[in-house]
Amino acid sequence: MGVNKHQVKGRIKKLQGKGKEIAGRIVGNRKLRVKGKVQGIVGAAQAKFGDVKQVVKDSLKNSI
């Protein structure tokens, strides 16, 4: 099973979002915390899309 760009970019976005969320909590900035939460959700969705895409690609490769 390989790794595609959606998986990598999504997981990076998720980590960046978690960092922003934590930073927002530390400094008491609600806006930063919410931005981080949203970025984390978007990153998780992108990574999941990449996971599904890779499974389909691997399935097609194995069936041929």
Protein backbone atom coordinates (compact mmCIF):
# COMPACT_ATOMS: atom_id res chain seq x y z
CA MET A 1 0.00 0.00 0.00
CA GLY A 2 1.41 3.33 -1.05
CA VAL A 3 0.91 6.84 0.18
CA ASN A 4 -0.59 9.64 -1.87
CA LYS A 5 -0.41 13.42 -1.59
CA HIS A 6 -3.88 13.73 -0.07
CA GLN A 7 -2.92 11.49 2.83
CA VAL A 8 0.26 13.43 3.55
CA LYS A 9 -1.21 16.92 3.13
CA GLY A 10 -4.28 16.00 5.15
CA ARG A 11 -2.29 14.68 8.07
CA ILE A 12 -0.03 17.75 8.02
CA LYS A 13 -3.09 20.04 8.06
CA LYS A 14 -4.56 18.04 10.92
CA LEU A 15 -1.38 18.44 12.98
CA GLN A 16 -1.14 22.16 12.19
CA GLY A 17 -4.75 22.58 13.23
CA LYS A 18 -4.13 20.77 16.51
CA GLY A 19 -1.17 23.08 17.14
CA LYS A 20 -3.30 26.17 16.52
CA GLU A 21 -6.04 24.79 18.74
CA ILE A 22 -3.60 24.20 21.60
CA ALA A 23 -1.96 27.60 21.10
CA GLY A 24 -5.39 29.24 21.18
CA ARG A 25 -6.17 27.55 24.49
CA ILE A 26 -2.85 28.56 26.00
CA VAL A 27 -3.14 32.24 25.09
CA GLY A 28 -6.91 32.37 25.56
CA ASN A 29 -7.65 33.23 21.94
CA ARG A 30 -11.00 31.64 21.03
CA LYS A 31 -10.73 32.59 17.36
CA LEU A 32 -7.37 30.82 16.98
CA ARG A 33 -8.70 27.79 18.82
CA VAL A 34 -11.72 27.56 16.49
CA LYS A 35 -9.55 28.07 13.40
CA GLY A 36 -7.34 25.22 14.57
CA LYS A 37 -10.31 22.96 15.18
CA VAL A 38 -11.68 23.65 11.69
CA GLN A 39 -8.27 23.12 10.07
CA GLY A 40 -7.93 19.84 11.94
CA ILE A 41 -11.31 18.63 10.70
CA VAL A 42 -10.50 19.61 7.11
CA GLY A 43 -7.15 17.86 7.36
CA ALA A 44 -8.72 14.70 8.74
CA ALA A 45 -11.26 14.68 5.90
CA GLN A 46 -8.54 15.16 3.29
CA ALA A 47 -6.48 12.35 4.82
CA LYS A 48 -9.51 10.05 4.85
CA PHE A 49 -10.17 10.89 1.19
CA GLY A 50 -6.56 9.96 0.44
CA ASP A 51 -6.95 6.70 2.35
CA VAL A 52 -10.05 5.74 0.34
CA LYS A 53 -8.39 6.78 -2.91
CA GLN A 54 -5.39 4.59 -2.11
CA VAL A 55 -7.54 1.57 -1.22
CA VAL A 56 -9.41 1.87 -4.52
CA LYS A 57 -6.17 2.25 -6.45
CA ASP A 58 -4.63 -0.78 -4.72
CA SER A 59 -7.81 -2.83 -5.32
CA LEU A 60 -7.81 -1.99 -9.00
CA LYS A 61 -4.12 -2.82 -9.28
CA ASN A 62 -4.63 -6.22 -7.60
CA SER A 63 -7.67 -7.13 -9.69
CA ILE A 64 -5.90 -6.68 -13.02
